[in-house]
């Protein structure tokens, strides 16, 4: 059975500018009261530490927003508080997301000294025109300089790229991907550009300002991604994530294996067992206020910024576990699923749909596992829709 994981996610909601494709909880502010924000993050950590006392933390992840804009002192204070509130794994993974425009050698040195041991860089493209289209403020050279700094500063690093951009062809993407591999280490995250409601791109795309590659081209780019990275020794361990065996992002595995985690900061979500000794009784789901100023005021008043708390149990618990676990190449460990939900994964799905999907080579069932095949992961939304109807 795989190692039990327990993660802590810390959300820093501020950015230098808002990217037109981004639907994350990120905001641009002229100034941030750093002392107040540091104090609020520490207060919310203490609150959730009381609810999850004794759990061993295996990963800490600073996301955003742009966490590399956080003062090193704040990052260090959060790490110190985590170590004070919980027992931590000897090989605790501490990841911080960074943008190429907000990092420099001195900043990385400070973050490493604070305890960060893994960074994830938002490179997004290696073509100057596409970076401008995506609203990124760095050039390809600046991005690769940041990657070089990450390589020199940390044992582990990753960077993101976005494909299926307007006018991009499968051949152009393959060439860009080969160039990226020359700078990569043991992990890459590769996302297909999607148009999300509430973003600037949503309005522009609806108005016809730009068009995305057709479905056939996008599918070819996905398949090209899988083949090139597998040949390079970084197979896909999740739909959009690739790593050398053993170098997977442990924090993200926490989500996809439906393990427990707490969420700190504006808009952060959490999922953790209401009773750690009886996980099948359900998970406590939390969601914090999204607006930064509202979250800050609530934490200063009440000690936490939660706006929703509910217990996920029964069918809803099974559904969440299935939706997350089938994203992974390793699939769902049926014994672990039963431990988490009280049911075998095969009894939590539509039996007739399961038979059809297995026959179509979109799902695979063994005595130990339920997993999507490579073809099934490429079509996972359709697979889940049928399986959970």
Protein backbone atom coordinates (compact mmCIF):
# COMPACT_ATOMS: atom_id res chain seq x y z
CA UNK A 1 0.00 0.00 0.00
CA UNK A 2 1.26 3.50 -0.82
CA UNK A 3 2.52 5.88 1.84
CA UNK A 4 -0.10 7.93 3.72
CA UNK A 5 0.11 11.59 2.83
CA UNK A 6 -1.03 14.74 4.61
CA UNK A 7 -0.48 18.13 3.03
CA UNK A 8 -0.79 21.80 3.84
CA UNK A 9 -1.62 24.31 1.11
CA UNK A 10 -0.93 28.03 1.65
CA UNK A 11 -2.50 30.47 -0.81
CA UNK A 12 -0.86 33.82 -1.55
CA UNK A 13 -3.45 35.67 -3.67
CA UNK A 14 -1.40 38.55 -5.06
CA UNK A 15 0.12 38.96 -8.54
CA UNK A 16 1.88 41.73 -10.41
CA UNK A 17 -0.79 41.44 -13.12
CA UNK A 18 -3.74 39.20 -13.94
CA UNK A 19 -3.15 36.75 -16.77
CA UNK A 20 -6.04 36.70 -19.28
CA UNK A 21 -6.46 32.90 -19.09
CA UNK A 22 -6.33 32.63 -15.29
CA UNK A 23 -9.44 31.82 -13.25
CA UNK A 24 -7.52 31.27 -10.01
CA UNK A 25 -8.16 33.43 -6.95
CA UNK A 26 -5.50 36.01 -7.78
CA UNK A 27 -5.56 39.79 -7.38
CA UNK A 28 -3.43 42.84 -8.14
CA UNK A 29 -2.88 45.26 -5.25
CA UNK A 30 -0.82 48.43 -5.03
CA UNK A 31 0.41 47.44 -1.59
CA UNK A 32 0.14 44.62 0.95
CA UNK A 33 0.33 45.02 4.73
CA UNK A 34 2.90 42.30 5.20
CA UNK A 35 2.82 42.10 9.00
CA UNK A 36 -0.96 41.67 9.04
CA UNK A 37 -0.84 39.02 6.34
CA UNK A 38 1.91 37.09 8.05
CA UNK A 39 -0.03 37.16 11.33
CA UNK A 40 -3.25 36.01 9.66
CA UNK A 41 -1.59 33.07 7.91
CA UNK A 42 -0.06 31.98 11.22
CA UNK A 43 -3.42 32.32 13.00
CA UNK A 44 -5.19 30.14 10.46
CA UNK A 45 -2.41 27.55 10.62
CA UNK A 46 -2.88 27.35 14.39
CA UNK A 47 -6.64 26.90 13.93
CA UNK A 48 -6.28 23.93 11.58
CA UNK A 49 -3.46 22.45 13.63
CA UNK A 50 -5.94 22.06 16.49
CA UNK A 51 -8.34 20.17 14.18
CA UNK A 52 -5.65 17.82 12.82
CA UNK A 53 -3.39 17.40 15.82
CA UNK A 54 -0.83 14.60 15.58
CA UNK A 55 -0.98 14.17 11.81
CA UNK A 56 2.44 13.88 10.15
CA UNK A 57 2.85 16.53 7.45
CA UNK A 58 4.42 15.13 4.29
CA UNK A 59 4.16 18.23 2.07
CA UNK A 60 3.74 21.99 2.26
CA UNK A 61 2.81 23.90 -0.88
CA UNK A 62 2.83 27.68 -1.41
CA UNK A 63 0.47 28.44 -4.31
CA UNK A 64 -1.23 31.46 -5.73
CA UNK A 65 -1.30 34.02 -7.07
CA UNK A 66 2.43 34.50 -7.10
CA UNK A 67 3.99 33.12 -3.90
CA UNK A 68 7.46 34.21 -5.02
CA UNK A 69 6.24 37.74 -4.24
CA UNK A 70 5.94 36.76 -0.56
CA UNK A 71 8.64 38.16 1.71
CA UNK A 72 11.15 35.47 2.61
CA UNK A 73 10.40 36.26 6.26
CA UNK A 74 6.78 35.24 5.77
CA UNK A 75 7.70 32.00 4.03
CA UNK A 76 10.15 31.20 6.84
CA UNK A 77 7.55 31.98 9.51
CA UNK A 78 4.98 29.68 7.92
CA UNK A 79 7.48 26.82 7.62
CA UNK A 80 8.57 27.30 11.23
CA UNK A 81 4.94 27.29 12.38
CA UNK A 82 4.16 24.08 10.48
CA UNK A 83 7.11 22.39 12.14
CA UNK A 84 5.97 23.67 15.54
CA UNK A 85 2.30 22.62 15.19
CA UNK A 86 2.64 19.18 13.59
CA UNK A 87 5.15 16.35 13.43
CA UNK A 88 6.72 16.49 9.98
CA UNK A 89 8.17 13.83 7.72
CA UNK A 90 11.94 13.62 7.63
CA UNK A 91 11.76 14.17 3.86
CA UNK A 92 9.12 16.93 4.03
CA UNK A 93 8.51 18.36 0.55
CA UNK A 94 8.19 22.17 0.58
CA UNK A 95 7.20 23.61 -2.81
CA UNK A 96 6.81 27.25 -3.79
CA UNK A 97 5.39 28.48 -7.10
CA UNK A 98 7.35 31.27 -8.78
CA UNK A 99 7.09 33.47 -11.82
CA UNK A 100 10.26 34.14 -13.84
CA UNK A 101 9.78 37.90 -13.39
CA UNK A 102 9.70 37.74 -9.60
CA UNK A 103 12.80 35.67 -8.86
CA UNK A 104 16.47 36.41 -8.60
CA UNK A 105 19.45 34.53 -7.21
CA UNK A 106 19.28 36.30 -3.85
CA UNK A 107 15.56 35.52 -3.47
CA UNK A 108 16.09 31.85 -4.25
CA UNK A 109 18.98 31.72 -1.78
CA UNK A 110 16.72 33.16 0.91
CA UNK A 111 13.88 30.78 0.13
CA UNK A 112 16.23 27.80 0.24
CA UNK A 113 17.58 28.96 3.61
CA UNK A 114 13.99 29.31 4.85
CA UNK A 115 13.38 25.64 4.05
CA UNK A 116 11.90 25.58 0.55
CA UNK A 117 13.31 22.54 -1.25
CA UNK A 118 11.29 22.53 -4.48
CA UNK A 119 10.12 25.30 -6.83
CA UNK A 120 7.63 25.28 -9.68
CA UNK A 121 8.10 27.98 -12.33
CA UNK A 122 5.32 29.41 -14.47
CA UNK A 123 7.22 29.55 -17.76
CA UNK A 124 4.11 28.81 -19.91
CA UNK A 125 5.76 29.26 -23.34
CA UNK A 126 9.16 29.58 -25.00
CA UNK A 127 7.90 31.74 -27.88
CA UNK A 128 7.94 35.51 -27.37
CA UNK A 129 4.71 36.20 -29.28
CA UNK A 130 2.83 33.55 -27.33
CA UNK A 131 4.12 34.87 -24.01
CA UNK A 132 2.70 38.28 -24.92
CA UNK A 133 -0.61 36.68 -25.94
CA UNK A 134 -0.76 34.86 -22.59
CA UNK A 135 -0.17 38.11 -20.73
CA UNK A 136 3.16 37.00 -19.33
CA UNK A 137 5.65 39.72 -18.42
CA UNK A 138 8.82 37.71 -19.03
CA UNK A 139 10.69 36.87 -22.22
CA UNK A 140 11.86 33.38 -23.22
CA UNK A 141 15.41 34.29 -22.16
CA UNK A 142 14.19 35.51 -18.76
CA UNK A 143 12.24 32.28 -18.31
CA UNK A 144 15.25 30.12 -19.08
CA UNK A 145 17.43 32.25 -16.79
CA UNK A 146 14.94 31.60 -13.97
CA UNK A 147 15.06 27.87 -14.75
CA UNK A 148 18.86 27.97 -14.53
CA UNK A 149 18.65 29.75 -11.17
CA UNK A 150 16.21 27.12 -9.92
CA UNK A 151 18.53 24.33 -11.03
CA UNK A 152 21.45 25.96 -9.18
CA UNK A 153 19.43 26.70 -6.03
CA UNK A 154 17.23 23.65 -5.39
CA UNK A 155 17.55 19.90 -5.57
CA UNK A 156 14.13 19.68 -7.22
CA UNK A 157 12.33 22.03 -9.60
CA UNK A 158 9.63 21.94 -12.23
CA UNK A 159 8.18 24.32 -14.76
CA UNK A 160 4.86 24.69 -16.57
CA UNK A 161 4.06 25.07 -20.25
CA UNK A 162 0.72 25.70 -21.96
CA UNK A 163 -0.02 24.14 -25.36
CA UNK A 164 -2.84 24.24 -27.93
CA UNK A 165 -2.32 27.97 -28.23
CA UNK A 166 -3.81 29.93 -31.17
CA UNK A 167 -2.10 29.08 -34.48
CA UNK A 168 0.10 26.48 -32.79
CA UNK A 169 0.60 23.28 -34.80
CA UNK A 170 1.49 19.83 -33.46
CA UNK A 171 4.90 20.09 -35.15
CA UNK A 172 5.64 23.48 -33.57
CA UNK A 173 4.61 22.16 -30.16
CA UNK A 174 6.85 19.10 -30.55
CA UNK A 175 9.80 21.36 -31.33
CA UNK A 176 9.07 23.62 -28.36
CA UNK A 177 8.74 20.60 -26.09
CA UNK A 178 12.10 19.22 -27.23
CA UNK A 179 13.67 22.58 -26.46
CA UNK A 180 12.08 22.59 -23.00
CA UNK A 181 13.44 19.13 -22.26
CA UNK A 182 16.97 20.46 -22.70
CA UNK A 183 16.39 22.63 -19.62
CA UNK A 184 14.16 20.33 -17.57
CA UNK A 185 15.18 18.21 -14.61
CA UNK A 186 12.84 15.56 -13.22
CA UNK A 187 9.36 17.11 -13.55
CA UNK A 188 7.28 19.05 -16.09
CA UNK A 189 3.64 20.21 -16.02
CA UNK A 190 2.03 20.60 -19.46
CA UNK A 191 -1.48 22.03 -19.70
CA UNK A 192 -3.81 22.42 -22.65
CA UNK A 193 -5.09 25.99 -22.93
CA UNK A 194 -8.73 26.09 -21.89
CA UNK A 195 -11.11 29.03 -21.88
CA UNK A 196 -12.61 29.57 -18.43
CA UNK A 197 -15.60 31.71 -17.51
CA UNK A 198 -14.74 34.91 -15.71
CA UNK A 199 -11.45 35.42 -17.56
CA UNK A 200 -10.57 38.03 -20.15
CA UNK A 201 -9.97 35.23 -22.66
CA UNK A 202 -13.55 34.04 -22.19
CA UNK A 203 -14.92 37.34 -23.46
CA UNK A 204 -12.34 37.69 -26.24
CA UNK A 205 -12.84 34.13 -27.46
CA UNK A 206 -16.62 34.54 -27.48
CA UNK A 207 -16.21 37.74 -29.51
CA UNK A 208 -14.03 35.89 -32.03
CA UNK A 209 -10.79 37.72 -31.22
CA UNK A 210 -8.87 34.45 -31.50
CA UNK A 211 -9.44 30.76 -32.19
CA UNK A 212 -7.92 27.70 -30.59
CA UNK A 213 -6.63 24.67 -32.51
CA UNK A 214 -9.37 22.22 -33.45
CA UNK A 215 -10.02 19.11 -31.35
CA UNK A 216 -8.04 16.85 -33.68
CA UNK A 217 -4.94 19.07 -33.48
CA UNK A 218 -5.26 19.45 -29.70
CA UNK A 219 -5.56 15.67 -29.32
CA UNK A 220 -2.47 15.19 -31.48
CA UNK A 221 -0.54 17.64 -29.28
CA UNK A 222 -1.60 15.71 -26.18
CA UNK A 223 -0.48 12.41 -27.72
CA UNK A 224 2.77 14.00 -28.88
CA UNK A 225 3.37 15.22 -25.33
CA UNK A 226 2.90 11.73 -23.90
CA UNK A 227 5.21 10.11 -26.44
CA UNK A 228 8.04 12.65 -26.30
CA UNK A 229 8.16 12.79 -22.51
CA UNK A 230 7.91 9.03 -22.12
CA UNK A 231 10.87 8.66 -24.48
CA UNK A 232 12.75 11.24 -22.38
CA UNK A 233 12.18 9.25 -19.18
CA UNK A 234 9.43 11.51 -17.79
CA UNK A 235 6.23 9.50 -18.27
CA UNK A 236 2.87 11.04 -17.48
CA UNK A 237 1.88 10.12 -13.95
CA UNK A 238 -1.23 12.33 -14.16
CA UNK A 239 -3.09 13.85 -17.10
CA UNK A 240 -0.98 17.03 -17.17
CA UNK A 241 2.07 16.07 -15.10
CA UNK A 242 5.21 14.17 -16.00
CA UNK A 243 8.12 13.05 -13.85
CA UNK A 244 10.97 10.65 -13.58
CA UNK A 245 9.87 7.72 -11.37
CA UNK A 246 10.13 8.85 -7.75
CA UNK A 247 10.15 12.57 -8.60
CA UNK A 248 6.38 13.09 -8.70
CA UNK A 249 5.06 16.13 -6.84
CA UNK A 250 4.11 14.61 -3.49
CA UNK A 251 1.72 17.41 -2.62
CA UNK A 252 -0.31 16.97 -5.78
CA UNK A 253 -0.36 13.22 -5.24
CA UNK A 254 -2.07 14.02 -1.94
CA UNK A 255 -4.99 15.51 -3.87
CA UNK A 256 -5.21 12.84 -6.55
CA UNK A 257 -4.95 9.94 -4.09
CA UNK A 258 -7.69 11.66 -2.10
CA UNK A 259 -5.56 11.93 0.98
CA UNK A 260 -6.06 14.65 3.60
CA UNK A 261 -4.92 18.26 3.39
CA UNK A 262 -5.72 21.61 4.95
CA UNK A 263 -6.02 24.87 3.02
CA UNK A 264 -4.71 28.17 4.38
CA UNK A 265 -5.35 31.61 2.88
CA UNK A 266 -8.04 33.34 0.78
CA UNK A 267 -10.19 30.94 -1.22
CA UNK A 268 -8.23 27.90 -0.05
CA UNK A 269 -10.02 24.54 0.13
CA UNK A 270 -9.31 21.70 2.55
CA UNK A 271 -10.29 18.05 2.82
CA UNK A 272 -9.43 16.04 5.91
CA UNK A 273 -10.95 13.15 7.82
CA UNK A 274 -13.47 14.25 10.41
CA UNK A 275 -12.26 11.25 12.45
CA UNK A 276 -8.74 10.17 11.49
CA UNK A 277 -9.29 6.75 13.06
CA UNK A 278 -12.42 6.19 10.94
CA UNK A 279 -11.84 7.83 7.55
CA UNK A 280 -14.90 6.22 5.95
CA UNK A 281 -17.07 8.37 8.22
CA UNK A 282 -16.29 11.23 5.84
CA UNK A 283 -14.09 14.23 5.24
CA UNK A 284 -14.53 17.73 6.58
CA UNK A 285 -14.52 20.03 3.54
CA UNK A 286 -13.55 23.64 4.16
CA UNK A 287 -13.49 26.71 1.91
CA UNK A 288 -12.20 30.13 2.90
CA UNK A 289 -13.49 33.53 1.86
CA UNK A 290 -11.97 34.37 -1.52
CA UNK A 291 -11.70 38.15 -1.34
CA UNK A 292 -8.31 38.93 0.26
CA UNK A 293 -9.48 41.80 2.44
CA UNK A 294 -12.58 39.91 3.62
CA UNK A 295 -10.48 36.87 4.47
CA UNK A 296 -7.96 38.98 6.37
CA UNK A 297 -10.66 40.70 8.43
CA UNK A 298 -12.38 37.41 9.28
CA UNK A 299 -9.15 35.73 10.37
CA UNK A 300 -8.25 38.69 12.56
CA UNK A 301 -11.73 38.53 14.10
CA UNK A 302 -12.31 34.77 14.37
CA UNK A 303 -8.93 33.06 13.94
CA UNK A 304 -9.83 31.50 10.57
CA UNK A 305 -11.31 32.57 7.26
CA UNK A 306 -13.64 29.64 6.56
CA UNK A 307 -16.92 30.49 4.89
CA UNK A 308 -18.02 26.87 4.34
CA UNK A 309 -17.66 23.72 6.40
CA UNK A 310 -19.43 20.52 5.48
CA UNK A 311 -18.90 16.79 5.83
CA UNK A 312 -18.44 14.85 2.59
CA UNK A 313 -19.67 11.31 3.13
CA UNK A 314 -21.37 8.38 1.41
CA UNK A 315 -21.88 8.67 -2.34
CA UNK A 316 -20.31 12.14 -2.51
CA UNK A 317 -17.16 10.80 -0.86
CA UNK A 318 -16.93 7.99 -3.42
CA UNK A 319 -17.52 10.38 -6.31
CA UNK A 320 -14.73 12.74 -5.25
CA UNK A 321 -12.31 9.86 -4.73
CA UNK A 322 -13.10 8.44 -8.18
CA UNK A 323 -12.82 11.80 -9.94
CA UNK A 324 -9.41 12.42 -8.44
CA UNK A 325 -7.93 8.92 -8.55
CA UNK A 326 -8.72 8.18 -12.18
CA UNK A 327 -6.53 11.12 -13.22
CA UNK A 328 -3.49 9.11 -12.15
CA UNK A 329 -1.67 6.61 -14.34
CA UNK A 330 -1.38 4.37 -11.28
CA UNK A 331 -5.16 4.43 -10.89
CA UNK A 332 -7.11 3.78 -7.71
CA UNK A 333 -5.92 1.31 -5.10
CA UNK A 334 -9.14 -0.56 -4.36
CA UNK A 335 -8.15 -1.50 -0.82
CA UNK A 336 -7.27 2.11 -0.01
CA UNK A 337 -10.53 3.28 -1.64
CA UNK A 338 -12.46 0.90 0.62
CA UNK A 339 -10.58 2.21 3.66
CA UNK A 340 -11.43 5.80 2.72
CA UNK A 341 -15.05 5.32 1.68
CA UNK A 342 -16.27 2.03 3.15
CA UNK A 343 -17.02 0.67 -0.35
CA UNK A 344 -15.23 -1.16 -3.13
CA UNK A 345 -14.63 1.16 -6.06
CA UNK A 346 -16.46 -1.22 -8.41
CA UNK A 347 -19.69 -0.92 -6.40
CA UNK A 348 -19.49 2.88 -6.42
CA UNK A 349 -19.92 3.15 -10.21
CA UNK A 350 -22.52 2.25 -12.81
CA UNK A 351 -21.88 -1.45 -13.44
CA UNK A 352 -23.10 -1.48 -17.05
CA UNK A 353 -21.09 1.60 -17.91
CA UNK A 354 -18.03 0.02 -16.30
CA UNK A 355 -18.36 -3.06 -18.50
CA UNK A 356 -18.71 -0.93 -21.64
CA UNK A 357 -15.72 1.26 -20.75
CA UNK A 358 -13.54 -1.76 -19.98
CA UNK A 359 -14.53 -3.37 -23.28
CA UNK A 360 -13.64 -0.12 -25.06
CA UNK A 361 -10.18 -0.18 -23.44
CA UNK A 362 -10.85 3.07 -21.59
CA UNK A 363 -10.76 1.50 -18.12
CA UNK A 364 -8.84 -1.40 -16.63
CA UNK A 365 -9.89 -3.49 -13.63
CA UNK A 366 -7.68 -5.83 -11.60
CA UNK A 367 -8.17 -7.32 -8.14
CA UNK A 368 -6.01 -4.47 -6.80
CA UNK A 369 -6.82 -1.51 -9.07
CA UNK A 370 -9.35 0.47 -11.01
CA UNK A 371 -7.63 2.76 -13.48
CA UNK A 372 -8.11 4.62 -16.71
CA UNK A 373 -6.00 3.53 -19.64
CA UNK A 374 -3.95 6.08 -21.56
CA UNK A 375 -6.88 6.49 -23.95
CA UNK A 376 -9.27 6.78 -21.01
CA UNK A 377 -7.25 9.54 -19.34
CA UNK A 378 -7.28 11.50 -22.59
CA UNK A 379 -11.10 11.30 -22.52
CA UNK A 380 -11.56 11.35 -18.77
CA UNK A 381 -14.46 13.82 -18.65
CA UNK A 382 -16.51 11.53 -20.87
CA UNK A 383 -15.44 8.43 -18.94
CA UNK A 384 -16.45 9.98 -15.61
CA UNK A 385 -19.75 11.24 -16.96
CA UNK A 386 -20.71 7.71 -18.01
CA UNK A 387 -19.23 5.97 -15.00
CA UNK A 388 -20.93 8.17 -12.40
CA UNK A 389 -24.35 8.49 -14.04
